[in-house]
Amino acid sequence: MKQLLLAVFLLAGTVCFAQSPVEFTTVKHDFGKIKKGVPATYVFHFKNIGTKPVVIEVATAECGCTTPEYPKSPIAKGKTGEIKVTYNAAMSGAFTKRVNVKLAGVNEPIVLTIEGVVEDSSHK
């Protein structure tokens, strides 16, 4: 009985920590200092390392100040894609914003993060 329970827990752990079918070159970007009112954009690059095409169901930002753009068509095995994230820089001060990327057939989203400090244009 103990061996059966151990096997179930090991199998469950393997399923829970299954590798994502995409690999990003980075999942976090720091803009450093940017000017207020001047949108800042970063492009996150990824590769499909899975065995079948990958579909991004949706990429959602946590607020309206951040806009993600992502491919709507499947990314073939071994091919690359990109997600462009733009921050509007409307408010002065430090920011950290996240974009949740939901892949078809994958339970946990991939979280992309941008951060930086927006300085008022009168700031020197």
N, C-alpha and C. Protein backbone atom coordinates (compact mmCIF):
# COMPACT_ATOMS: atom_id res chain seq x y z
N MET A 1 0.83 -1.20 0.00
CA MET A 1 0.00 0.00 0.00
C MET A 1 0.87 1.26 0.00
N LYS A 2 1.95 1.24 0.81
CA LYS A 2 2.84 2.40 0.86
C LYS A 2 3.49 2.64 -0.50
N GLN A 3 3.86 1.55 -1.17
CA GLN A 3 4.49 1.69 -2.49
C GLN A 3 3.52 2.27 -3.51
N LEU A 4 2.26 1.87 -3.41
CA LEU A 4 1.25 2.40 -4.32
C LEU A 4 1.06 3.90 -4.11
N LEU A 5 0.98 4.32 -2.85
CA LEU A 5 0.83 5.75 -2.55
C LEU A 5 2.05 6.54 -3.03
N LEU A 6 3.23 5.98 -2.81
CA LEU A 6 4.45 6.65 -3.25
C LEU A 6 4.45 6.81 -4.78
N ALA A 7 4.05 5.76 -5.48
CA ALA A 7 3.99 5.82 -6.94
C ALA A 7 3.00 6.88 -7.41
N VAL A 8 1.85 6.98 -6.75
CA VAL A 8 0.84 7.98 -7.11
C VAL A 8 1.39 9.39 -6.91
N PHE A 9 2.06 9.63 -5.78
CA PHE A 9 2.62 10.96 -5.51
C PHE A 9 3.73 11.31 -6.49
N LEU A 10 4.57 10.36 -6.83
CA LEU A 10 5.63 10.62 -7.80
C LEU A 10 5.06 10.93 -9.17
N LEU A 11 4.05 10.19 -9.58
CA LEU A 11 3.41 10.44 -10.87
C LEU A 11 2.73 11.80 -10.88
N ALA A 12 2.04 12.14 -9.80
CA ALA A 12 1.38 13.44 -9.71
C ALA A 12 2.40 14.57 -9.77
N GLY A 13 3.53 14.40 -9.12
CA GLY A 13 4.59 15.41 -9.16
C GLY A 13 5.13 15.60 -10.56
N THR A 14 5.27 14.54 -11.30
CA THR A 14 5.75 14.61 -12.67
C THR A 14 4.76 15.37 -13.54
N VAL A 15 3.48 15.10 -13.37
CA VAL A 15 2.45 15.79 -14.15
C VAL A 15 2.41 17.27 -13.79
N CYS A 16 2.50 17.60 -12.50
CA CYS A 16 2.43 18.99 -12.06
C CYS A 16 3.60 19.83 -12.55
N PHE A 17 4.77 19.20 -12.69
CA PHE A 17 5.95 19.95 -13.08
C PHE A 17 6.37 19.65 -14.51
N ALA A 18 5.40 19.31 -15.35
CA ALA A 18 5.70 19.03 -16.75
C ALA A 18 6.28 20.28 -17.40
N GLN A 19 7.21 20.09 -18.30
CA GLN A 19 7.87 21.19 -18.97
C GLN A 19 6.93 21.89 -19.94
N SER A 20 7.02 23.21 -19.98
CA SER A 20 6.23 23.99 -20.92
C SER A 20 6.70 23.68 -22.34
N PRO A 21 5.79 23.68 -23.32
CA PRO A 21 6.20 23.41 -24.70
C PRO A 21 6.90 24.60 -25.37
N VAL A 22 6.98 25.73 -24.67
CA VAL A 22 7.71 26.87 -25.23
C VAL A 22 8.81 27.29 -24.26
N GLU A 23 9.86 27.85 -24.84
CA GLU A 23 10.99 28.32 -24.03
C GLU A 23 11.25 29.77 -24.42
N PHE A 24 11.12 30.67 -23.44
CA PHE A 24 11.39 32.09 -23.66
C PHE A 24 12.86 32.38 -23.42
N THR A 25 13.43 33.30 -24.19
CA THR A 25 14.82 33.70 -23.95
C THR A 25 14.92 34.41 -22.61
N THR A 26 13.86 35.13 -22.22
CA THR A 26 13.74 35.73 -20.90
C THR A 26 12.26 35.95 -20.63
N VAL A 27 11.87 35.96 -19.36
CA VAL A 27 10.48 36.22 -19.00
C VAL A 27 10.35 37.53 -18.21
N LYS A 28 11.46 38.27 -18.10
CA LYS A 28 11.44 39.53 -17.35
C LYS A 28 12.31 40.55 -18.07
N HIS A 29 11.80 41.80 -18.14
CA HIS A 29 12.58 42.87 -18.75
C HIS A 29 12.50 44.12 -17.89
N ASP A 30 13.65 44.75 -17.67
CA ASP A 30 13.73 46.00 -16.92
C ASP A 30 14.05 47.12 -17.91
N PHE A 31 13.11 48.05 -18.08
CA PHE A 31 13.31 49.19 -18.98
C PHE A 31 14.29 50.20 -18.40
N GLY A 32 14.51 50.14 -17.10
CA GLY A 32 15.31 51.18 -16.46
C GLY A 32 14.46 52.44 -16.36
N LYS A 33 15.05 53.59 -16.65
CA LYS A 33 14.31 54.86 -16.60
C LYS A 33 13.74 55.17 -17.98
N ILE A 34 12.46 55.51 -17.99
CA ILE A 34 11.79 55.90 -19.24
C ILE A 34 11.05 57.21 -19.02
N LYS A 35 10.74 57.91 -20.11
CA LYS A 35 10.07 59.21 -20.01
C LYS A 35 8.56 59.04 -19.91
N LYS A 36 7.97 59.87 -19.08
CA LYS A 36 6.51 59.88 -18.92
C LYS A 36 5.86 60.27 -20.25
N GLY A 37 4.81 59.54 -20.60
CA GLY A 37 4.06 59.83 -21.81
C GLY A 37 4.63 59.22 -23.08
N VAL A 38 5.77 58.55 -22.97
CA VAL A 38 6.40 57.91 -24.14
C VAL A 38 6.30 56.39 -23.94
N PRO A 39 5.41 55.73 -24.68
CA PRO A 39 5.24 54.29 -24.50
C PRO A 39 6.56 53.53 -24.69
N ALA A 40 6.74 52.49 -23.89
CA ALA A 40 7.93 51.64 -23.97
C ALA A 40 7.49 50.23 -24.38
N THR A 41 8.22 49.64 -25.31
CA THR A 41 7.86 48.32 -25.83
C THR A 41 9.04 47.37 -25.70
N TYR A 42 8.74 46.13 -25.33
CA TYR A 42 9.75 45.07 -25.31
C TYR A 42 9.16 43.85 -26.01
N VAL A 43 9.99 43.16 -26.77
CA VAL A 43 9.55 41.96 -27.47
C VAL A 43 10.16 40.73 -26.80
N PHE A 44 9.30 39.87 -26.27
CA PHE A 44 9.72 38.60 -25.67
C PHE A 44 9.74 37.55 -26.78
N HIS A 45 10.88 36.89 -26.96
CA HIS A 45 11.04 35.86 -27.99
C HIS A 45 10.93 34.48 -27.35
N PHE A 46 10.30 33.56 -28.07
CA PHE A 46 10.18 32.19 -27.58
C PHE A 46 10.32 31.20 -28.72
N LYS A 47 10.57 29.95 -28.33
CA LYS A 47 10.70 28.86 -29.30
C LYS A 47 9.81 27.71 -28.87
N ASN A 48 9.14 27.09 -29.82
CA ASN A 48 8.33 25.90 -29.55
C ASN A 48 9.29 24.72 -29.44
N ILE A 49 9.49 24.22 -28.22
CA ILE A 49 10.38 23.08 -28.00
C ILE A 49 9.58 21.79 -27.80
N GLY A 50 8.28 21.88 -28.00
CA GLY A 50 7.41 20.72 -27.86
C GLY A 50 7.42 19.85 -29.10
N THR A 51 6.53 18.87 -29.11
CA THR A 51 6.46 17.91 -30.21
C THR A 51 5.33 18.20 -31.19
N LYS A 52 4.53 19.24 -30.90
CA LYS A 52 3.42 19.59 -31.79
C LYS A 52 3.24 21.11 -31.80
N PRO A 53 2.46 21.64 -32.73
CA PRO A 53 2.24 23.09 -32.77
C PRO A 53 1.67 23.64 -31.46
N VAL A 54 2.06 24.87 -31.14
CA VAL A 54 1.60 25.54 -29.92
C VAL A 54 0.67 26.68 -30.32
N VAL A 55 -0.44 26.79 -29.58
CA VAL A 55 -1.39 27.88 -29.81
C VAL A 55 -1.47 28.72 -28.55
N ILE A 56 -1.28 30.02 -28.70
CA ILE A 56 -1.48 30.94 -27.58
C ILE A 56 -2.96 31.28 -27.58
N GLU A 57 -3.67 30.83 -26.55
CA GLU A 57 -5.11 31.12 -26.46
C GLU A 57 -5.35 32.59 -26.19
N VAL A 58 -4.58 33.13 -25.25
CA VAL A 58 -4.75 34.53 -24.88
C VAL A 58 -3.52 34.99 -24.11
N ALA A 59 -3.22 36.28 -24.22
CA ALA A 59 -2.20 36.93 -23.40
C ALA A 59 -2.87 38.15 -22.80
N THR A 60 -2.98 38.17 -21.48
CA THR A 60 -3.71 39.25 -20.81
C THR A 60 -2.81 40.01 -19.85
N ALA A 61 -2.93 41.33 -19.88
CA ALA A 61 -2.19 42.19 -18.96
C ALA A 61 -3.03 42.42 -17.72
N GLU A 62 -2.36 42.76 -16.62
CA GLU A 62 -3.08 42.97 -15.37
C GLU A 62 -3.75 44.33 -15.29
N CYS A 63 -3.48 45.21 -16.26
CA CYS A 63 -4.16 46.51 -16.26
C CYS A 63 -4.18 47.07 -17.69
N GLY A 64 -4.95 48.11 -17.89
CA GLY A 64 -5.09 48.71 -19.21
C GLY A 64 -3.88 49.51 -19.67
N CYS A 65 -2.92 49.72 -18.77
CA CYS A 65 -1.72 50.48 -19.12
C CYS A 65 -0.70 49.63 -19.89
N THR A 66 -0.95 48.33 -19.96
CA THR A 66 -0.03 47.40 -20.62
C THR A 66 -0.78 46.64 -21.70
N THR A 67 -0.19 46.58 -22.90
CA THR A 67 -0.86 45.92 -24.02
C THR A 67 0.04 44.84 -24.62
N PRO A 68 -0.40 43.58 -24.56
CA PRO A 68 0.36 42.51 -25.22
C PRO A 68 -0.17 42.26 -26.63
N GLU A 69 0.74 41.95 -27.54
CA GLU A 69 0.38 41.51 -28.90
C GLU A 69 1.05 40.16 -29.10
N TYR A 70 0.28 39.18 -29.57
CA TYR A 70 0.80 37.82 -29.69
C TYR A 70 0.28 37.17 -30.97
N PRO A 71 0.99 36.14 -31.46
CA PRO A 71 0.54 35.46 -32.69
C PRO A 71 -0.75 34.70 -32.46
N LYS A 72 -1.66 34.81 -33.42
CA LYS A 72 -2.96 34.11 -33.31
C LYS A 72 -2.92 32.75 -33.99
N SER A 73 -1.95 32.54 -34.87
CA SER A 73 -1.85 31.25 -35.56
C SER A 73 -0.89 30.32 -34.80
N PRO A 74 -1.02 29.01 -35.00
CA PRO A 74 -0.15 28.05 -34.29
C PRO A 74 1.33 28.26 -34.65
N ILE A 75 2.18 28.02 -33.66
CA ILE A 75 3.63 28.07 -33.86
C ILE A 75 4.09 26.62 -34.01
N ALA A 76 4.63 26.29 -35.16
CA ALA A 76 5.03 24.91 -35.46
C ALA A 76 6.20 24.47 -34.58
N LYS A 77 6.32 23.16 -34.42
CA LYS A 77 7.41 22.56 -33.65
C LYS A 77 8.75 23.07 -34.19
N GLY A 78 9.61 23.54 -33.26
CA GLY A 78 10.93 24.03 -33.64
C GLY A 78 10.98 25.47 -34.12
N LYS A 79 9.82 26.10 -34.32
CA LYS A 79 9.77 27.47 -34.82
C LYS A 79 9.74 28.47 -33.66
N THR A 80 9.94 29.73 -33.99
CA THR A 80 9.96 30.78 -32.98
C THR A 80 8.78 31.72 -33.14
N GLY A 81 8.51 32.45 -32.07
CA GLY A 81 7.46 33.45 -32.08
C GLY A 81 7.84 34.57 -31.13
N GLU A 82 6.98 35.57 -31.05
CA GLU A 82 7.25 36.68 -30.16
C GLU A 82 5.97 37.26 -29.60
N ILE A 83 6.11 37.82 -28.41
CA ILE A 83 5.01 38.54 -27.78
C ILE A 83 5.53 39.94 -27.49
N LYS A 84 4.87 40.93 -28.09
CA LYS A 84 5.27 42.33 -27.91
C LYS A 84 4.43 42.93 -26.80
N VAL A 85 5.11 43.50 -25.79
CA VAL A 85 4.42 44.10 -24.65
C VAL A 85 4.75 45.59 -24.61
N THR A 86 3.70 46.42 -24.61
CA THR A 86 3.87 47.87 -24.58
C THR A 86 3.26 48.44 -23.30
N TYR A 87 4.04 49.28 -22.62
CA TYR A 87 3.58 49.97 -21.41
C TYR A 87 3.40 51.44 -21.79
N ASN A 88 2.25 52.04 -21.40
CA ASN A 88 1.94 53.39 -21.86
C ASN A 88 2.68 54.51 -21.12
N ALA A 89 3.30 54.24 -19.99
CA ALA A 89 4.11 55.21 -19.25
C ALA A 89 3.36 56.50 -18.92
N ALA A 90 2.08 56.38 -18.59
CA ALA A 90 1.26 57.56 -18.32
C ALA A 90 1.45 58.13 -16.91
N MET A 91 1.93 57.31 -15.98
CA MET A 91 2.09 57.74 -14.59
C MET A 91 3.56 57.71 -14.19
N SER A 92 3.99 58.71 -13.42
CA SER A 92 5.37 58.75 -12.93
C SER A 92 5.56 57.74 -11.81
N GLY A 93 6.79 57.25 -11.69
CA GLY A 93 7.13 56.35 -10.60
C GLY A 93 7.50 54.95 -11.08
N ALA A 94 7.86 54.12 -10.11
CA ALA A 94 8.25 52.74 -10.41
C ALA A 94 7.03 51.92 -10.80
N PHE A 95 7.25 50.96 -11.68
CA PHE A 95 6.16 50.06 -12.08
C PHE A 95 6.69 48.65 -12.28
N THR A 96 5.82 47.70 -12.03
CA THR A 96 6.03 46.28 -12.36
C THR A 96 4.71 45.79 -12.90
N LYS A 97 4.71 45.30 -14.13
CA LYS A 97 3.48 44.83 -14.77
C LYS A 97 3.70 43.42 -15.30
N ARG A 98 2.64 42.62 -15.22
CA ARG A 98 2.70 41.23 -15.65
C ARG A 98 1.71 40.96 -16.77
N VAL A 99 2.11 40.04 -17.64
CA VAL A 99 1.25 39.55 -18.71
C VAL A 99 1.18 38.03 -18.55
N ASN A 100 -0.04 37.51 -18.44
CA ASN A 100 -0.25 36.07 -18.34
C ASN A 100 -0.50 35.51 -19.73
N VAL A 101 0.32 34.54 -20.12
CA VAL A 101 0.22 33.91 -21.44
C VAL A 101 -0.35 32.51 -21.25
N LYS A 102 -1.55 32.29 -21.80
CA LYS A 102 -2.23 30.99 -21.67
C LYS A 102 -2.06 30.22 -22.96
N LEU A 103 -1.41 29.04 -22.85
CA LEU A 103 -1.22 28.15 -24.00
C LEU A 103 -2.31 27.11 -24.02
N ALA A 104 -2.78 26.73 -25.19
CA ALA A 104 -3.79 25.68 -25.33
C ALA A 104 -3.23 24.37 -24.78
N GLY A 105 -4.00 23.72 -23.92
CA GLY A 105 -3.61 22.43 -23.37
C GLY A 105 -2.66 22.49 -22.20
N VAL A 106 -2.31 23.69 -21.73
CA VAL A 106 -1.40 23.86 -20.59
C VAL A 106 -2.17 24.58 -19.49
N ASN A 107 -2.19 24.00 -18.30
CA ASN A 107 -2.98 24.57 -17.20
C ASN A 107 -2.43 25.89 -16.67
N GLU A 108 -1.15 25.94 -16.38
CA GLU A 108 -0.56 27.13 -15.76
C GLU A 108 -0.11 28.13 -16.82
N PRO A 109 -0.46 29.41 -16.64
CA PRO A 109 0.01 30.41 -17.60
C PRO A 109 1.50 30.69 -17.42
N ILE A 110 2.11 31.20 -18.46
CA ILE A 110 3.48 31.69 -18.37
C ILE A 110 3.36 33.17 -18.05
N VAL A 111 4.13 33.64 -17.07
CA VAL A 111 4.03 35.03 -16.65
C VAL A 111 5.25 35.80 -17.17
N LEU A 112 4.97 36.83 -17.96
CA LEU A 112 6.01 37.74 -18.46
C LEU A 112 5.93 39.01 -17.63
N THR A 113 7.07 39.57 -17.27
CA THR A 113 7.11 40.74 -16.39
C THR A 113 7.94 41.85 -17.02
N ILE A 114 7.40 43.08 -16.96
CA ILE A 114 8.16 44.26 -17.33
C ILE A 114 8.21 45.18 -16.12
N GLU A 115 9.30 45.92 -16.00
CA GLU A 115 9.42 46.86 -14.89
C GLU A 115 10.30 48.02 -15.30
N GLY A 116 10.26 49.06 -14.49
CA GLY A 116 11.07 50.23 -14.75
C GLY A 116 10.62 51.39 -13.89
N VAL A 117 11.13 52.56 -14.22
CA VAL A 117 10.77 53.78 -13.50
C VAL A 117 10.42 54.84 -14.54
N VAL A 118 9.22 55.39 -14.43
CA VAL A 118 8.78 56.46 -15.32
C VAL A 118 9.13 57.78 -14.67
N GLU A 119 9.92 58.58 -15.40
CA GLU A 119 10.31 59.89 -14.89
C GLU A 119 9.57 60.98 -15.63
N ASP A 120 9.12 61.97 -14.88
CA ASP A 120 8.46 63.13 -15.47
C ASP A 120 9.46 63.82 -16.40
N SER A 121 9.00 64.32 -17.51
CA SER A 121 9.90 64.95 -18.49
C SER A 121 10.62 66.17 -17.93
N SER A 122 10.08 66.77 -16.86
CA SER A 122 10.74 67.91 -16.24
C SER A 122 11.85 67.46 -15.29
N HIS A 123 11.90 66.15 -15.00
CA HIS A 123 12.92 65.55 -14.13
C HIS A 123 14.25 65.45 -14.86
N LYS A 124 15.34 65.81 -14.23
CA LYS A 124 16.65 65.71 -14.91
C LYS A 124 17.57 64.79 -14.18
